[in-house]
């Protein structure tokens, strides 16, 4: 998002940078929330099975999925929830329990609890039925506890990333409030567990970063 209230794509130049003049304005479905209202975005790959990248986001208290990205356009905007996400954060949408169906990993910013909402299979192998991620009652087995002490007061940023440890379970980057250091977590199928490595020991609390 930019101050003009639009969402833009900045194509890479192949050398680790990009040309601002080559940016592309992203076209959104008519029912999508205005980019000026977005408070969090997560690129999650293709979770709907249409072979096009998808995006999940929070817009105030709302939770949305933008799906079918192609040619600078998202084809569909799905309102997942209209009023529960003001104090929740999307950590990841990926297969946590190993059933080849994407799950929703999220945290309560106030009480610090981390939860995984296991998705139900979608129409294509490896996809998820978005309805099963809208509410805990429609998921495979509700919101399952996945960790504690993840409050905003303790952890400034929690970002789900692909598996980097080789165990097949998505990992988490986190920036702690206590010292501002960035740490990596290698969760199990059932819990986040403790951090396993400090990646950057400098104080990042005063730095605004993307991701």
C-alpha atoms as a PDB file:
ATOM      1  CA  UNK A   1       0.000   0.000   0.000  1.00  0.00           C
ATOM      2  CA  UNK A   2       1.068   3.592  -0.549  1.00  0.00           C
ATOM      3  CA  UNK A   3      -0.131   6.962   0.812  1.00  0.00           C
ATOM      4  CA  UNK A   4      -2.330   7.359  -2.278  1.00  0.00           C
ATOM      5  CA  UNK A   5      -4.484   4.459  -1.035  1.00  0.00           C
ATOM      6  CA  UNK A   6      -3.493   2.033  -3.786  1.00  0.00           C
ATOM      7  CA  UNK A   7      -1.814  -1.359  -3.857  1.00  0.00           C
ATOM      8  CA  UNK A   8       1.165  -1.761  -6.192  1.00  0.00           C
ATOM      9  CA  UNK A   9       3.378  -4.548  -7.504  1.00  0.00           C
ATOM     10  CA  UNK A  10       7.082  -3.740  -7.857  1.00  0.00           C
ATOM     11  CA  UNK A  11       8.643  -6.264 -10.290  1.00  0.00           C
ATOM     12  CA  UNK A  12      12.184  -7.266  -9.418  1.00  0.00           C
ATOM     13  CA  UNK A  13      15.015  -6.442 -11.816  1.00  0.00           C
ATOM     14  CA  UNK A  14      16.842  -9.728 -11.261  1.00  0.00           C
ATOM     15  CA  UNK A  15      19.600  -8.076  -9.252  1.00  0.00           C
ATOM     16  CA  UNK A  16      17.914  -7.754  -5.865  1.00  0.00           C
ATOM     17  CA  UNK A  17      16.302  -4.400  -6.571  1.00  0.00           C
ATOM     18  CA  UNK A  18      13.463  -2.865  -8.602  1.00  0.00           C
ATOM     19  CA  UNK A  19      12.645   0.136 -10.746  1.00  0.00           C
ATOM     20  CA  UNK A  20       9.924   2.257  -9.123  1.00  0.00           C
ATOM     21  CA  UNK A  21       8.915   3.493 -12.559  1.00  0.00           C
ATOM     22  CA  UNK A  22       7.974  -0.058 -13.576  1.00  0.00           C
ATOM     23  CA  UNK A  23       5.487  -0.574 -10.767  1.00  0.00           C
ATOM     24  CA  UNK A  24       2.061  -1.988 -11.620  1.00  0.00           C
ATOM     25  CA  UNK A  25      -1.180  -0.892  -9.972  1.00  0.00           C
ATOM     26  CA  UNK A  26      -3.004  -3.969  -8.696  1.00  0.00           C
ATOM     27  CA  UNK A  27      -6.631  -4.198  -9.804  1.00  0.00           C
ATOM     28  CA  UNK A  28      -9.039  -5.493  -7.171  1.00  0.00           C
ATOM     29  CA  UNK A  29     -12.571  -6.938  -7.331  1.00  0.00           C
ATOM     30  CA  UNK A  30     -15.318  -4.372  -6.762  1.00  0.00           C
ATOM     31  CA  UNK A  31     -16.171  -5.822  -3.336  1.00  0.00           C
ATOM     32  CA  UNK A  32     -12.597  -5.828  -2.010  1.00  0.00           C
ATOM     33  CA  UNK A  33     -11.727  -3.505   0.879  1.00  0.00           C
ATOM     34  CA  UNK A  34      -9.825  -0.354  -0.061  1.00  0.00           C
ATOM     35  CA  UNK A  35      -6.034  -0.786   0.308  1.00  0.00           C
ATOM     36  CA  UNK A  36      -6.013   2.272   2.570  1.00  0.00           C
ATOM     37  CA  UNK A  37      -7.850   0.154   5.180  1.00  0.00           C
ATOM     38  CA  UNK A  38      -5.430  -2.781   5.087  1.00  0.00           C
ATOM     39  CA  UNK A  39      -3.586  -3.320   8.365  1.00  0.00           C
ATOM     40  CA  UNK A  40      -1.816  -6.582   7.485  1.00  0.00           C
ATOM     41  CA  UNK A  41      -1.141  -8.632   4.360  1.00  0.00           C
ATOM     42  CA  UNK A  42       0.319 -12.109   3.860  1.00  0.00           C
ATOM     43  CA  UNK A  43       1.188 -13.717   0.528  1.00  0.00           C
ATOM     44  CA  UNK A  44       0.253 -17.390   0.880  1.00  0.00           C
ATOM     45  CA  UNK A  45       0.809 -18.929  -2.562  1.00  0.00           C
ATOM     46  CA  UNK A  46      -2.023 -20.834  -4.211  1.00  0.00           C
ATOM     47  CA  UNK A  47      -4.406 -22.101  -1.513  1.00  0.00           C
ATOM     48  CA  UNK A  48      -7.554 -22.279  -3.685  1.00  0.00           C
ATOM     49  CA  UNK A  49      -6.210 -24.673  -6.321  1.00  0.00           C
ATOM     50  CA  UNK A  50      -6.589 -22.409  -9.360  1.00  0.00           C
ATOM     51  CA  UNK A  51      -2.803 -22.248  -9.946  1.00  0.00           C
ATOM     52  CA  UNK A  52      -2.690 -18.532  -9.222  1.00  0.00           C
ATOM     53  CA  UNK A  53      -1.204 -16.806  -6.140  1.00  0.00           C
ATOM     54  CA  UNK A  54      -3.476 -15.731  -3.298  1.00  0.00           C
ATOM     55  CA  UNK A  55      -3.277 -13.133  -0.554  1.00  0.00           C
ATOM     56  CA  UNK A  56      -4.825 -12.946   2.918  1.00  0.00           C
ATOM     57  CA  UNK A  57      -5.212  -9.673   4.755  1.00  0.00           C
ATOM     58  CA  UNK A  58      -6.772  -7.800   7.636  1.00  0.00           C
ATOM     59  CA  UNK A  59      -8.685  -4.573   7.057  1.00  0.00           C
ATOM     60  CA  UNK A  60      -9.482  -3.231  10.489  1.00  0.00           C
ATOM     61  CA  UNK A  61     -11.526  -5.960  12.174  1.00  0.00           C
ATOM     62  CA  UNK A  62     -12.137  -7.804   8.896  1.00  0.00           C
ATOM     63  CA  UNK A  63     -10.328 -10.846   7.506  1.00  0.00           C
ATOM     64  CA  UNK A  64     -10.201 -11.261   3.705  1.00  0.00           C
ATOM     65  CA  UNK A  65      -8.792 -13.586   1.055  1.00  0.00           C
ATOM     66  CA  UNK A  66      -7.870 -12.214  -2.366  1.00  0.00           C
ATOM     67  CA  UNK A  67      -7.514 -15.065  -4.844  1.00  0.00           C
ATOM     68  CA  UNK A  68      -6.684 -15.760  -8.467  1.00  0.00           C
ATOM     69  CA  UNK A  69      -3.906 -13.230  -9.035  1.00  0.00           C
ATOM     70  CA  UNK A  70      -2.886 -12.886 -12.673  1.00  0.00           C
ATOM     71  CA  UNK A  71      -1.812 -10.024 -14.896  1.00  0.00           C
ATOM     72  CA  UNK A  72      -1.914  -7.472 -12.078  1.00  0.00           C
ATOM     73  CA  UNK A  73      -5.471  -8.457 -11.101  1.00  0.00           C
ATOM     74  CA  UNK A  74      -7.045 -10.432  -8.276  1.00  0.00           C
ATOM     75  CA  UNK A  75     -10.116 -12.200  -9.610  1.00  0.00           C
ATOM     76  CA  UNK A  76     -12.029 -12.712  -6.370  1.00  0.00           C
ATOM     77  CA  UNK A  77     -12.300 -11.173  -2.901  1.00  0.00           C
ATOM     78  CA  UNK A  78     -13.765 -13.366  -0.144  1.00  0.00           C
ATOM     79  CA  UNK A  79     -14.788 -11.871   3.205  1.00  0.00           C
ATOM     80  CA  UNK A  80     -13.715 -14.478   5.732  1.00  0.00           C
ATOM     81  CA  UNK A  81     -14.917 -12.614   8.841  1.00  0.00           C
ATOM     82  CA  UNK A  82     -16.306  -9.135   9.353  1.00  0.00           C
ATOM     83  CA  UNK A  83     -15.677  -8.272  13.004  1.00  0.00           C
ATOM     84  CA  UNK A  84     -13.250 -10.505  14.936  1.00  0.00           C
ATOM     85  CA  UNK A  85      -9.782  -9.606  13.661  1.00  0.00           C
ATOM     86  CA  UNK A  86      -8.958  -6.198  15.126  1.00  0.00           C
ATOM     87  CA  UNK A  87      -6.731  -7.806  17.792  1.00  0.00           C
ATOM     88  CA  UNK A  88      -5.727 -10.944  15.946  1.00  0.00           C
ATOM     89  CA  UNK A  89      -2.801 -11.442  13.576  1.00  0.00           C
ATOM     90  CA  UNK A  90      -2.477 -13.830  10.650  1.00  0.00           C
ATOM     91  CA  UNK A  91       0.804 -15.689  11.066  1.00  0.00           C
ATOM     92  CA  UNK A  92       0.554 -18.128   8.156  1.00  0.00           C
ATOM     93  CA  UNK A  93      -1.770 -20.084   5.891  1.00  0.00           C
ATOM     94  CA  UNK A  94       0.026 -23.350   5.186  1.00  0.00           C
ATOM     95  CA  UNK A  95      -0.197 -27.073   5.901  1.00  0.00           C
ATOM     96  CA  UNK A  96       0.627 -27.409   9.601  1.00  0.00           C
ATOM     97  CA  UNK A  97      -0.701 -30.888  10.448  1.00  0.00           C
ATOM     98  CA  UNK A  98       0.671 -32.698   7.392  1.00  0.00           C
ATOM     99  CA  UNK A  99      -2.600 -33.596   5.647  1.00  0.00           C
ATOM    100  CA  UNK A 100      -1.652 -31.602   2.506  1.00  0.00           C
ATOM    101  CA  UNK A 101      -4.425 -29.051   3.165  1.00  0.00           C
ATOM    102  CA  UNK A 102      -3.581 -25.443   4.119  1.00  0.00           C
ATOM    103  CA  UNK A 103      -4.353 -24.402   7.700  1.00  0.00           C
ATOM    104  CA  UNK A 104      -4.700 -20.974   9.305  1.00  0.00           C
ATOM    105  CA  UNK A 105      -2.110 -20.094  11.936  1.00  0.00           C
ATOM    106  CA  UNK A 106      -3.005 -17.010  13.976  1.00  0.00           C
ATOM    107  CA  UNK A 107      -2.309 -15.335  17.284  1.00  0.00           C
ATOM    108  CA  UNK A 108      -4.338 -13.333  19.770  1.00  0.00           C
ATOM    109  CA  UNK A 109      -2.370 -10.114  20.240  1.00  0.00           C
ATOM    110  CA  UNK A 110      -3.776  -9.522  23.721  1.00  0.00           C
ATOM    111  CA  UNK A 111      -3.641 -12.856  25.568  1.00  0.00           C
ATOM    112  CA  UNK A 112      -0.684 -14.206  23.563  1.00  0.00           C
ATOM    113  CA  UNK A 113      -2.250 -17.504  22.559  1.00  0.00           C
ATOM    114  CA  UNK A 114      -1.305 -18.982  19.181  1.00  0.00           C
ATOM    115  CA  UNK A 115      -3.885 -21.135  17.413  1.00  0.00           C
ATOM    116  CA  UNK A 116      -4.042 -23.327  14.331  1.00  0.00           C
ATOM    117  CA  UNK A 117      -7.350 -23.681  12.492  1.00  0.00           C
ATOM    118  CA  UNK A 118      -7.078 -26.851  10.420  1.00  0.00           C
ATOM    119  CA  UNK A 119      -8.679 -26.478   7.011  1.00  0.00           C
ATOM    120  CA  UNK A 120     -10.885 -28.909   5.160  1.00  0.00           C
ATOM    121  CA  UNK A 121      -9.797 -30.072   1.692  1.00  0.00           C
ATOM    122  CA  UNK A 122     -10.796 -27.904  -1.243  1.00  0.00           C
ATOM    123  CA  UNK A 123     -11.846 -28.964  -4.756  1.00  0.00           C
ATOM    124  CA  UNK A 124      -8.266 -29.607  -5.931  1.00  0.00           C
ATOM    125  CA  UNK A 125      -5.575 -31.669  -4.233  1.00  0.00           C
ATOM    126  CA  UNK A 126      -3.524 -29.409  -1.982  1.00  0.00           C
ATOM    127  CA  UNK A 127      -6.172 -26.687  -1.819  1.00  0.00           C
ATOM    128  CA  UNK A 128      -8.423 -25.650   1.059  1.00  0.00           C
ATOM    129  CA  UNK A 129     -12.128 -24.968   1.326  1.00  0.00           C
ATOM    130  CA  UNK A 130     -12.039 -21.297   2.324  1.00  0.00           C
ATOM    131  CA  UNK A 131     -15.286 -21.693   4.267  1.00  0.00           C
ATOM    132  CA  UNK A 132     -13.476 -23.984   6.714  1.00  0.00           C
ATOM    133  CA  UNK A 133     -11.050 -21.175   7.589  1.00  0.00           C
ATOM    134  CA  UNK A 134     -13.686 -18.526   8.214  1.00  0.00           C
ATOM    135  CA  UNK A 135     -14.770 -19.742  11.662  1.00  0.00           C
ATOM    136  CA  UNK A 136     -13.454 -22.330  14.103  1.00  0.00           C
ATOM    137  CA  UNK A 137     -16.811 -24.122  13.991  1.00  0.00           C
ATOM    138  CA  UNK A 138     -16.425 -24.858  10.277  1.00  0.00           C
ATOM    139  CA  UNK A 139     -12.843 -26.099  10.462  1.00  0.00           C
ATOM    140  CA  UNK A 140     -11.586 -29.640  10.872  1.00  0.00           C
ATOM    141  CA  UNK A 141     -11.415 -29.533  14.683  1.00  0.00           C
ATOM    142  CA  UNK A 142     -11.827 -25.948  15.883  1.00  0.00           C
ATOM    143  CA  UNK A 143      -9.093 -23.551  16.945  1.00  0.00           C
ATOM    144  CA  UNK A 144      -6.368 -25.741  18.416  1.00  0.00           C
ATOM    145  CA  UNK A 145      -3.865 -24.227  20.845  1.00  0.00           C
ATOM    146  CA  UNK A 146      -0.403 -23.972  19.271  1.00  0.00           C
ATOM    147  CA  UNK A 147       1.579 -21.913  21.769  1.00  0.00           C
ATOM    148  CA  UNK A 148       1.518 -19.203  24.446  1.00  0.00           C
ATOM    149  CA  UNK A 149       3.373 -15.957  25.267  1.00  0.00           C
ATOM    150  CA  UNK A 150       2.877 -14.605  21.736  1.00  0.00           C
ATOM    151  CA  UNK A 151       1.199 -11.355  22.808  1.00  0.00           C
ATOM    152  CA  UNK A 152       1.995  -8.115  21.028  1.00  0.00           C
ATOM    153  CA  UNK A 153       3.667  -6.932  24.240  1.00  0.00           C
ATOM    154  CA  UNK A 154       6.107  -9.867  24.058  1.00  0.00           C
ATOM    155  CA  UNK A 155       6.482 -10.412  20.314  1.00  0.00           C
ATOM    156  CA  UNK A 156       6.423  -7.450  17.966  1.00  0.00           C
ATOM    157  CA  UNK A 157       6.294  -9.496  14.764  1.00  0.00           C
ATOM    158  CA  UNK A 158       5.513 -13.149  14.023  1.00  0.00           C
ATOM    159  CA  UNK A 159       5.874 -14.184  10.398  1.00  0.00           C
ATOM    160  CA  UNK A 160       5.154 -17.654   9.074  1.00  0.00           C
ATOM    161  CA  UNK A 161       7.717 -18.849   6.529  1.00  0.00           C
ATOM    162  CA  UNK A 162       8.226 -22.066   4.526  1.00  0.00           C
ATOM    163  CA  UNK A 163      10.023 -24.970   6.166  1.00  0.00           C
ATOM    164  CA  UNK A 164      13.743 -24.244   6.429  1.00  0.00           C
ATOM    165  CA  UNK A 165      14.683 -26.997   8.885  1.00  0.00           C
ATOM    166  CA  UNK A 166      13.778 -29.894   6.594  1.00  0.00           C
ATOM    167  CA  UNK A 167      11.103 -31.458   8.793  1.00  0.00           C
ATOM    168  CA  UNK A 168       8.211 -30.517   6.501  1.00  0.00           C
ATOM    169  CA  UNK A 169       6.594 -28.148   9.007  1.00  0.00           C
ATOM    170  CA  UNK A 170       6.382 -24.397   8.257  1.00  0.00           C
ATOM    171  CA  UNK A 171       8.662 -22.290  10.436  1.00  0.00           C
ATOM    172  CA  UNK A 172       8.277 -18.863  12.083  1.00  0.00           C
ATOM    173  CA  UNK A 173      10.403 -15.720  12.167  1.00  0.00           C
ATOM    174  CA  UNK A 174       9.775 -13.557  15.216  1.00  0.00           C
ATOM    175  CA  UNK A 175      11.040 -10.255  16.603  1.00  0.00           C
ATOM    176  CA  UNK A 176      10.908 -10.045  20.404  1.00  0.00           C
ATOM    177  CA  UNK A 177      10.154  -6.826  22.270  1.00  0.00           C
ATOM    178  CA  UNK A 178      12.681  -7.560  25.008  1.00  0.00           C
ATOM    179  CA  UNK A 179      15.807  -7.031  22.904  1.00  0.00           C
ATOM    180  CA  UNK A 180      14.552  -6.477  19.354  1.00  0.00           C
ATOM    181  CA  UNK A 181      16.428  -9.527  18.073  1.00  0.00           C
ATOM    182  CA  UNK A 182      15.041 -11.664  15.257  1.00  0.00           C
ATOM    183  CA  UNK A 183      14.675 -15.351  16.052  1.00  0.00           C
ATOM    184  CA  UNK A 184      13.571 -18.440  14.174  1.00  0.00           C
ATOM    185  CA  UNK A 185      11.258 -21.156  15.483  1.00  0.00           C
ATOM    186  CA  UNK A 186      10.992 -24.719  14.178  1.00  0.00           C
ATOM    187  CA  UNK A 187       7.534 -25.768  15.467  1.00  0.00           C
ATOM    188  CA  UNK A 188       6.206 -29.289  15.762  1.00  0.00           C
ATOM    189  CA  UNK A 189       2.840 -30.321  14.373  1.00  0.00           C
ATOM    190  CA  UNK A 190       1.303 -29.426  17.727  1.00  0.00           C
ATOM    191  CA  UNK A 191       3.238 -26.487  19.185  1.00  0.00           C
ATOM    192  CA  UNK A 192       5.479 -23.544  18.355  1.00  0.00           C
ATOM    193  CA  UNK A 193       8.039 -24.532  20.991  1.00  0.00           C
ATOM    194  CA  UNK A 194      11.025 -22.353  21.959  1.00  0.00           C
ATOM    195  CA  UNK A 195      13.154 -20.390  19.510  1.00  0.00           C
ATOM    196  CA  UNK A 196      16.053 -22.386  18.111  1.00  0.00           C
ATOM    197  CA  UNK A 197      18.289 -19.645  16.756  1.00  0.00           C
ATOM    198  CA  UNK A 198      18.878 -15.908  16.966  1.00  0.00           C
ATOM    199  CA  UNK A 199      19.228 -14.831  13.347  1.00  0.00           C
ATOM    200  CA  UNK A 200      19.885 -11.100  13.836  1.00  0.00           C
ATOM    201  CA  UNK A 201      20.971  -9.960  17.284  1.00  0.00           C
ATOM    202  CA  UNK A 202      20.661  -6.227  16.610  1.00  0.00           C
ATOM    203  CA  UNK A 203      17.743  -4.268  18.080  1.00  0.00           C
ATOM    204  CA  UNK A 204      15.039  -4.088  15.391  1.00  0.00           C
ATOM    205  CA  UNK A 205      12.394  -2.513  17.632  1.00  0.00           C
ATOM    206  CA  UNK A 206      12.951   0.922  16.158  1.00  0.00           C
ATOM    207  CA  UNK A 207      12.981  -0.345  12.547  1.00  0.00           C
ATOM    208  CA  UNK A 208       9.904  -0.633  10.331  1.00  0.00           C
ATOM    209  CA  UNK A 209      10.291  -3.724   8.148  1.00  0.00           C
ATOM    210  CA  UNK A 210       8.145  -5.328   5.470  1.00  0.00           C
ATOM    211  CA  UNK A 211       6.785  -8.881   5.709  1.00  0.00           C
END
